[in-house]
N, C-alpha and C. Protein backbone atom coordinates (compact mmCIF):
# COMPACT_ATOMS: atom_id res chain seq x y z
N MET A 1 105.05 121.82 288.67
CA MET A 1 104.89 121.98 287.12
C MET A 1 105.40 122.91 286.12
N SER A 2 105.47 122.75 285.13
CA SER A 2 105.92 123.85 284.06
C SER A 2 105.20 124.60 283.43
N MET A 3 105.48 125.80 283.08
CA MET A 3 104.34 126.70 282.34
C MET A 3 103.71 126.09 281.46
N ASN A 4 103.99 125.27 280.94
CA ASN A 4 103.23 124.60 279.57
C ASN A 4 102.25 123.83 279.90
N GLU A 5 102.38 123.59 281.48
CA GLU A 5 101.22 122.35 282.03
C GLU A 5 100.35 123.22 283.15
N GLU A 6 99.80 124.68 282.56
CA GLU A 6 98.73 125.34 282.89
C GLU A 6 97.48 124.18 283.86
N LYS A 7 96.78 124.15 284.74
CA LYS A 7 95.91 123.73 285.18
C LYS A 7 94.76 124.35 285.00
N LYS A 8 93.92 123.57 283.84
CA LYS A 8 92.86 124.32 283.52
C LYS A 8 91.53 124.35 284.37
N GLU A 9 90.62 125.41 284.36
CA GLU A 9 89.77 125.52 285.66
C GLU A 9 88.58 124.17 284.97
N TYR A 10 87.97 123.54 286.01
CA TYR A 10 86.70 122.95 285.10
C TYR A 10 85.86 123.93 284.93
N ARG A 11 85.30 123.40 283.67
CA ARG A 11 84.15 124.27 283.06
C ARG A 11 83.09 123.05 282.79
N PRO A 12 81.67 123.13 283.06
CA PRO A 12 80.91 121.89 282.54
C PRO A 12 80.32 122.17 281.45
N LEU A 13 79.98 120.89 280.64
CA LEU A 13 79.40 120.93 279.40
C LEU A 13 77.45 120.69 279.78
N ILE A 14 77.14 121.50 279.19
CA ILE A 14 75.91 121.51 279.79
C ILE A 14 75.21 121.24 278.42
N VAL A 15 74.53 119.89 278.06
CA VAL A 15 73.06 120.03 276.98
C VAL A 15 71.87 120.52 277.06
N ALA A 16 71.29 121.58 276.42
CA ALA A 16 69.93 122.07 276.61
C ALA A 16 68.98 121.39 275.56
N PHE A 17 68.16 120.69 276.00
CA PHE A 17 67.21 120.09 274.56
C PHE A 17 66.14 121.34 274.76
N CYS A 18 65.99 122.25 273.86
CA CYS A 18 65.20 123.24 274.08
C CYS A 18 63.84 123.33 272.93
N CYS A 19 62.42 123.09 273.13
CA CYS A 19 61.39 123.18 272.14
C CYS A 19 61.65 124.13 271.39
N ASN A 20 61.23 124.17 270.37
CA ASN A 20 61.13 125.14 269.09
C ASN A 20 60.09 126.25 269.49
N TRP A 21 59.08 126.30 270.38
CA TRP A 21 58.44 127.28 270.57
C TRP A 21 58.13 128.08 271.28
N CYS A 22 58.79 127.55 272.30
CA CYS A 22 58.91 128.24 273.38
C CYS A 22 59.76 128.55 273.88
N SER A 23 60.89 127.52 274.70
CA SER A 23 62.04 127.53 275.45
C SER A 23 63.24 128.16 274.40
N TYR A 24 63.13 127.65 272.84
CA TYR A 24 64.01 128.02 272.04
C TYR A 24 64.23 129.80 272.01
N ALA A 25 62.76 130.52 272.32
CA ALA A 25 62.39 130.89 271.67
C ALA A 25 62.81 132.36 272.86
N GLY A 26 62.68 131.95 274.12
CA GLY A 26 63.06 132.22 275.32
C GLY A 26 64.68 132.50 275.51
N ALA A 27 64.92 131.21 274.80
CA ALA A 27 67.01 131.63 275.23
C ALA A 27 67.02 132.78 274.05
N ASP A 28 66.19 132.78 272.89
CA ASP A 28 66.80 134.37 271.78
C ASP A 28 66.17 135.08 272.87
N LEU A 29 65.23 135.43 273.50
CA LEU A 29 65.13 136.37 273.87
C LEU A 29 65.69 137.06 274.99
N ALA A 30 66.39 136.25 275.80
CA ALA A 30 67.38 136.42 276.67
C ALA A 30 68.66 136.97 276.00
N GLY A 31 69.06 136.18 274.92
CA GLY A 31 70.32 136.83 273.90
C GLY A 31 69.85 138.09 273.41
N SER A 32 68.91 138.30 272.92
CA SER A 32 68.38 139.82 272.68
C SER A 32 68.01 140.94 273.84
N SER A 33 67.77 140.06 274.73
CA SER A 33 67.71 141.22 276.07
C SER A 33 68.85 141.30 276.92
N ARG A 34 70.16 140.84 276.22
CA ARG A 34 71.62 141.45 276.57
C ARG A 34 72.06 140.29 278.38
N LEU A 35 70.74 139.10 278.34
CA LEU A 35 70.88 138.52 279.79
C LEU A 35 71.83 137.56 279.45
N SER A 36 72.49 137.36 280.19
CA SER A 36 73.54 136.30 280.24
C SER A 36 73.38 134.97 280.99
N TYR A 37 73.69 133.72 279.86
CA TYR A 37 74.14 132.64 280.88
C TYR A 37 75.25 132.03 280.19
N PRO A 38 75.85 130.92 280.43
CA PRO A 38 77.42 130.23 279.97
C PRO A 38 77.31 130.02 278.86
N ALA A 39 78.53 130.04 278.57
CA ALA A 39 78.68 129.52 277.05
C ALA A 39 78.71 127.95 276.80
N ASP A 40 79.05 127.80 277.94
CA ASP A 40 78.75 126.41 277.88
C ASP A 40 77.91 125.22 278.21
N VAL A 41 76.83 125.99 277.92
CA VAL A 41 75.22 125.66 277.69
C VAL A 41 75.45 125.01 275.97
N LYS A 42 75.20 123.95 275.66
CA LYS A 42 75.08 124.06 274.52
C LYS A 42 73.51 123.26 273.90
N ILE A 43 72.95 124.67 273.18
CA ILE A 43 71.69 124.31 273.10
C ILE A 43 71.36 123.45 271.83
N ILE A 44 70.16 122.35 271.96
CA ILE A 44 69.85 121.99 270.56
C ILE A 44 68.71 121.88 270.42
N ARG A 45 67.84 122.43 269.36
CA ARG A 45 66.26 122.97 269.37
C ARG A 45 65.99 121.93 268.69
N VAL A 46 64.69 121.30 269.25
CA VAL A 46 63.55 120.16 268.97
C VAL A 46 62.59 120.75 268.34
N PRO A 47 61.48 119.93 267.95
CA PRO A 47 60.49 119.83 268.21
C PRO A 47 59.05 120.81 268.69
N CYS A 48 59.14 119.51 270.00
CA CYS A 48 58.73 119.50 270.93
C CYS A 48 59.38 118.89 272.38
N SER A 49 59.13 119.18 273.25
CA SER A 49 59.83 118.39 274.72
C SER A 49 59.60 116.98 274.91
N GLY A 50 58.42 116.51 274.00
CA GLY A 50 57.79 115.43 273.79
C GLY A 50 58.89 114.58 272.91
N ARG A 51 59.46 115.25 271.82
CA ARG A 51 60.14 114.73 270.97
C ARG A 51 61.57 114.36 271.56
N VAL A 52 62.11 114.57 272.71
CA VAL A 52 63.63 114.19 273.20
C VAL A 52 63.41 112.58 273.93
N ASN A 53 63.65 111.79 273.37
CA ASN A 53 63.77 110.57 273.04
C ASN A 53 64.86 110.21 274.41
N PRO A 54 64.51 109.20 275.42
CA PRO A 54 65.67 109.34 276.57
C PRO A 54 66.97 108.79 275.96
N MET A 55 67.08 108.25 274.74
CA MET A 55 68.25 107.95 274.41
C MET A 55 69.23 109.46 274.30
N PHE A 56 68.80 110.02 273.67
CA PHE A 56 69.33 110.86 273.51
C PHE A 56 70.05 111.94 274.90
N ILE A 57 69.60 111.86 276.06
CA ILE A 57 70.22 111.91 277.67
C ILE A 57 71.20 111.14 277.48
N LEU A 58 71.16 109.85 277.30
CA LEU A 58 72.41 108.76 277.69
C LEU A 58 73.53 108.90 276.63
N ARG A 59 72.95 109.32 275.26
CA ARG A 59 74.18 109.51 274.37
C ARG A 59 74.63 110.93 274.62
N ALA A 60 74.29 111.70 275.35
CA ALA A 60 74.89 113.17 275.87
C ALA A 60 75.66 113.03 276.79
N PHE A 61 75.35 112.06 277.83
CA PHE A 61 76.40 111.70 278.53
C PHE A 61 77.21 111.05 278.62
N GLU A 62 77.00 109.96 277.27
CA GLU A 62 78.15 109.04 277.03
C GLU A 62 79.16 110.22 276.11
N ARG A 63 78.79 111.04 275.52
CA ARG A 63 80.27 111.55 275.30
C ARG A 63 80.39 113.15 275.29
N GLY A 64 79.87 113.14 276.99
CA GLY A 64 80.56 113.97 277.37
C GLY A 64 79.87 114.66 278.39
N ALA A 65 78.66 115.08 278.47
CA ALA A 65 78.29 115.82 278.97
C ALA A 65 78.19 115.94 280.37
N ASP A 66 78.36 116.90 281.06
CA ASP A 66 78.17 116.95 282.88
C ASP A 66 76.71 117.06 283.21
N GLY A 67 75.84 118.02 282.43
CA GLY A 67 74.53 118.03 282.83
C GLY A 67 73.78 118.16 281.28
N VAL A 68 72.04 117.47 281.49
CA VAL A 68 71.35 117.75 280.58
C VAL A 68 70.49 118.38 280.96
N ILE A 69 69.37 119.11 280.56
CA ILE A 69 68.45 120.13 280.54
C ILE A 69 67.50 119.95 279.92
N ILE A 70 66.14 119.78 279.90
CA ILE A 70 64.80 120.01 278.44
C ILE A 70 64.30 120.47 279.15
N CYS A 71 63.95 121.57 278.03
CA CYS A 71 63.49 122.85 278.25
C CYS A 71 62.51 122.92 277.54
N GLY A 72 60.64 122.89 277.51
CA GLY A 72 59.32 122.89 277.18
C GLY A 72 58.53 124.28 277.10
N CYS A 73 57.48 123.92 276.73
CA CYS A 73 56.23 124.44 277.32
C CYS A 73 55.65 124.60 278.22
N HIS A 74 54.93 125.69 278.86
CA HIS A 74 54.59 125.50 280.18
C HIS A 74 53.29 123.83 279.71
N PRO A 75 52.93 123.30 280.90
CA PRO A 75 51.63 122.41 280.43
C PRO A 75 50.70 122.89 280.26
N GLY A 76 50.16 123.07 279.23
CA GLY A 76 48.71 123.03 278.70
C GLY A 76 49.01 123.78 277.54
N ASP A 77 50.05 124.41 277.21
CA ASP A 77 50.40 125.59 276.33
C ASP A 77 51.13 124.81 274.93
N CYS A 78 51.70 123.29 275.30
CA CYS A 78 52.18 122.80 274.32
C CYS A 78 51.76 123.31 272.62
N HIS A 79 52.79 123.35 271.98
CA HIS A 79 52.05 123.44 270.44
C HIS A 79 51.44 122.19 270.11
N TYR A 80 51.87 120.87 270.16
CA TYR A 80 51.69 120.02 269.95
C TYR A 80 50.24 119.43 270.95
N SER A 81 49.78 119.93 271.60
CA SER A 81 49.18 119.86 272.53
C SER A 81 49.30 119.01 273.80
N THR A 82 49.95 117.79 273.62
CA THR A 82 50.16 117.46 275.03
C THR A 82 51.27 116.64 275.31
N GLY A 83 52.26 117.11 273.84
CA GLY A 83 54.12 116.98 273.94
C GLY A 83 54.64 116.74 275.45
N ASN A 84 54.48 117.87 276.06
CA ASN A 84 55.32 118.21 277.18
C ASN A 84 54.89 117.05 277.95
N TYR A 85 53.71 116.75 278.41
CA TYR A 85 53.25 115.69 279.38
C TYR A 85 53.57 114.52 279.13
N TYR A 86 53.82 113.88 278.08
CA TYR A 86 54.82 112.74 277.42
C TYR A 86 56.29 113.09 278.15
N ALA A 87 56.86 114.58 277.61
CA ALA A 87 58.22 114.04 278.06
C ALA A 87 58.34 113.79 279.33
N ARG A 88 57.50 114.96 280.42
CA ARG A 88 57.43 114.99 281.74
C ARG A 88 57.55 113.62 282.59
N ARG A 89 56.49 112.63 281.79
CA ARG A 89 56.16 111.08 282.20
C ARG A 89 57.79 110.56 281.41
N ARG A 90 58.09 110.62 280.58
CA ARG A 90 59.51 109.76 280.03
C ARG A 90 60.43 109.81 281.04
N MET A 91 60.54 111.39 281.46
CA MET A 91 61.64 111.80 282.19
C MET A 91 62.19 111.46 283.44
N ALA A 92 60.60 111.48 284.08
CA ALA A 92 60.59 111.13 285.47
C ALA A 92 60.90 109.51 285.61
N LEU A 93 60.63 108.74 284.46
CA LEU A 93 61.53 107.43 284.67
C LEU A 93 62.64 107.04 284.42
N LEU A 94 63.36 107.97 283.55
CA LEU A 94 64.69 108.04 282.83
C LEU A 94 65.09 108.54 284.11
N PHE A 95 64.93 109.52 284.91
CA PHE A 95 65.88 109.79 286.38
C PHE A 95 66.06 109.29 286.92
N SER A 96 64.55 108.52 287.23
CA SER A 96 64.51 106.98 288.60
C SER A 96 65.41 106.15 287.54
N MET A 97 65.81 105.95 286.77
CA MET A 97 66.76 104.93 286.18
C MET A 97 68.39 105.32 286.19
N LEU A 98 68.50 106.62 286.44
CA LEU A 98 69.88 107.30 286.07
C LEU A 98 70.24 107.16 287.68
N GLU A 99 69.07 107.64 288.76
CA GLU A 99 69.63 107.42 289.77
C GLU A 99 69.86 106.14 290.59
N TYR A 100 69.11 105.08 289.98
CA TYR A 100 69.58 103.72 290.29
C TYR A 100 71.44 103.28 290.15
N ILE A 101 71.50 103.66 288.74
CA ILE A 101 72.85 103.32 288.25
C ILE A 101 73.56 104.25 288.64
N GLY A 102 73.76 105.31 289.34
CA GLY A 102 74.64 106.07 289.99
C GLY A 102 74.45 107.52 289.66
N VAL A 103 73.67 107.59 288.67
CA VAL A 103 74.10 109.16 288.19
C VAL A 103 73.93 110.25 289.24
N GLU A 104 74.02 111.05 289.68
CA GLU A 104 73.65 111.91 290.71
C GLU A 104 72.08 112.77 290.22
N ASN A 105 71.42 112.70 291.15
CA ASN A 105 69.98 113.08 290.82
C ASN A 105 70.32 114.82 290.23
N GLY A 106 71.00 115.75 290.25
CA GLY A 106 71.30 117.08 290.31
C GLY A 106 71.69 117.12 288.47
N ARG A 107 72.05 116.20 287.96
CA ARG A 107 72.39 116.07 286.79
C ARG A 107 71.63 116.16 285.65
N THR A 108 70.35 116.15 285.94
CA THR A 108 69.24 116.55 284.97
C THR A 108 67.86 117.06 285.41
N ARG A 109 67.41 117.92 284.19
CA ARG A 109 66.59 118.80 284.87
C ARG A 109 65.55 118.67 283.94
N VAL A 110 64.18 119.20 284.24
CA VAL A 110 62.84 119.64 283.21
C VAL A 110 62.68 120.71 283.64
N GLU A 111 62.25 121.89 282.74
CA GLU A 111 62.29 122.66 283.08
C GLU A 111 61.12 123.52 281.68
N TRP A 112 60.09 124.31 282.65
CA TRP A 112 59.42 124.61 281.35
C TRP A 112 59.09 126.32 281.51
N CYS A 113 59.71 126.88 280.12
CA CYS A 113 59.96 128.15 280.01
C CYS A 113 59.35 128.47 278.72
N SER A 114 58.36 129.56 278.58
CA SER A 114 57.53 130.10 277.61
C SER A 114 58.71 130.82 276.98
N ALA A 115 58.35 131.38 275.71
CA ALA A 115 58.98 132.47 274.64
C ALA A 115 58.93 133.85 275.21
N ALA A 116 58.24 134.38 276.16
CA ALA A 116 58.48 135.70 276.89
C ALA A 116 59.27 135.58 278.37
N GLU A 117 59.38 134.54 278.33
CA GLU A 117 60.24 134.15 280.20
C GLU A 117 62.28 134.05 279.24
N GLY A 118 62.18 135.13 278.78
CA GLY A 118 64.05 135.36 278.51
C GLY A 118 64.59 135.43 280.01
N ALA A 119 63.71 136.40 280.56
CA ALA A 119 65.13 136.29 282.10
C ALA A 119 64.74 134.84 282.85
N LYS A 120 64.18 134.08 283.10
CA LYS A 120 63.55 132.99 283.66
C LYS A 120 64.71 131.70 282.80
N PHE A 121 64.80 131.64 281.89
CA PHE A 121 65.77 130.97 280.84
C PHE A 121 67.10 131.06 280.98
N SER A 122 67.54 132.42 281.36
CA SER A 122 69.11 133.18 282.05
C SER A 122 68.93 132.29 283.40
N LYS A 123 68.15 132.63 284.18
CA LYS A 123 68.18 132.50 285.35
C LYS A 123 68.49 130.87 285.56
N THR A 124 67.46 130.17 284.62
CA THR A 124 67.38 128.81 285.08
C THR A 124 68.70 128.18 284.78
N MET A 125 69.95 128.78 283.19
CA MET A 125 70.46 128.06 282.83
C MET A 125 71.93 128.41 284.23
N ASN A 126 71.96 129.38 284.58
CA ASN A 126 72.64 129.62 285.40
C ASN A 126 72.91 129.12 286.57
N GLU A 127 71.81 129.06 287.28
CA GLU A 127 71.30 127.82 288.43
C GLU A 127 71.79 126.34 288.08
N PHE A 128 71.89 125.93 287.12
CA PHE A 128 71.62 124.67 286.54
C PHE A 128 73.50 124.37 286.23
N CYS A 129 74.07 125.37 286.12
CA CYS A 129 75.56 125.44 285.86
C CYS A 129 76.24 125.54 286.80
N GLU A 130 75.60 126.00 287.93
CA GLU A 130 76.01 125.86 289.19
C GLU A 130 76.34 125.07 289.98
N LYS A 131 74.96 124.16 289.80
CA LYS A 131 74.96 123.07 290.33
C LYS A 131 75.52 121.78 289.52
N ILE A 132 75.87 122.01 288.90
CA ILE A 132 76.64 120.64 287.99
C ILE A 132 77.65 121.44 288.43
N GLN A 133 78.85 122.30 288.12
CA GLN A 133 79.59 122.91 288.69
C GLN A 133 80.30 122.44 290.14
N SER A 134 79.18 122.33 290.99
CA SER A 134 79.21 121.95 292.65
C SER A 134 79.29 120.18 292.26
N LEU A 135 78.76 119.54 291.42
CA LEU A 135 78.79 118.07 291.11
C LEU A 135 80.29 117.63 290.48
N GLY A 136 80.79 118.40 289.62
CA GLY A 136 82.14 118.03 289.00
C GLY A 136 81.94 117.09 288.01
N GLU A 137 83.14 116.57 286.98
CA GLU A 137 82.75 116.43 285.76
C GLU A 137 81.90 114.85 286.06
N ASN A 138 81.11 114.33 285.01
CA ASN A 138 80.57 112.98 285.30
C ASN A 138 81.51 112.06 284.61
N VAL A 139 81.49 111.10 285.63
CA VAL A 139 82.77 110.11 285.41
C VAL A 139 81.66 108.40 285.36
N ARG A 140 80.56 108.97 285.59
CA ARG A 140 79.66 107.45 285.81
C ARG A 140 79.34 107.14 284.25
N LEU A 141 79.17 108.04 283.11
CA LEU A 141 78.45 107.53 281.75
C LEU A 141 79.25 107.62 280.80
N GLY A 142 80.26 108.46 281.19
CA GLY A 142 81.24 108.58 279.96
C GLY A 142 82.10 107.66 279.58
N ASP A 143 81.78 108.13 278.06
CA ASP A 143 82.48 106.73 277.45
C ASP A 143 83.93 107.59 277.45
N LEU A 144 85.20 106.21 277.84
CA LEU A 144 86.43 106.75 277.66
C LEU A 144 87.01 107.61 276.34
N ARG A 145 86.81 106.89 274.88
CA ARG A 145 87.13 106.99 274.00
C ARG A 145 86.76 108.47 273.28
N CYS A 146 85.46 109.21 273.56
CA CYS A 146 85.22 110.63 273.71
C CYS A 146 85.81 111.62 273.88
N LYS A 147 86.66 111.37 275.10
CA LYS A 147 87.68 111.94 275.73
C LYS A 147 88.95 112.69 275.08
N ASN A 148 89.50 114.05 275.14
CA ASN A 148 90.43 114.47 274.06
C ASN A 148 91.56 114.04 274.48
């Protein structure tokens, strides 16, 4: 191996769908409190976790994500009353389908995090990144055309 061909350390790409009212604010609190979480977590702000379409998760995996996490308000605290209940039901069905087609169970996660739980947000993201790191690169749903 020559000097130009340095072996790059594997760093997982994580996509986090965060609801605007709680989880995104929790991420903001984690940042302002100087609590760290990996820079490989790409946060996508959505109005509500109930707005996350299962196709968003499939598209994230197709485009190279190694793990996807959906963060929303705690059940009963949703800004839109029942959005997180719909998200929980929808994701339970999607996760069972992903498992059926061979995607490891740990590559997806749903977590409830309020605006005041910056420490929980940071801890959750760190744990999820470690889990994805141990699973390795997503090879099941990735589209080869999206690779660099």
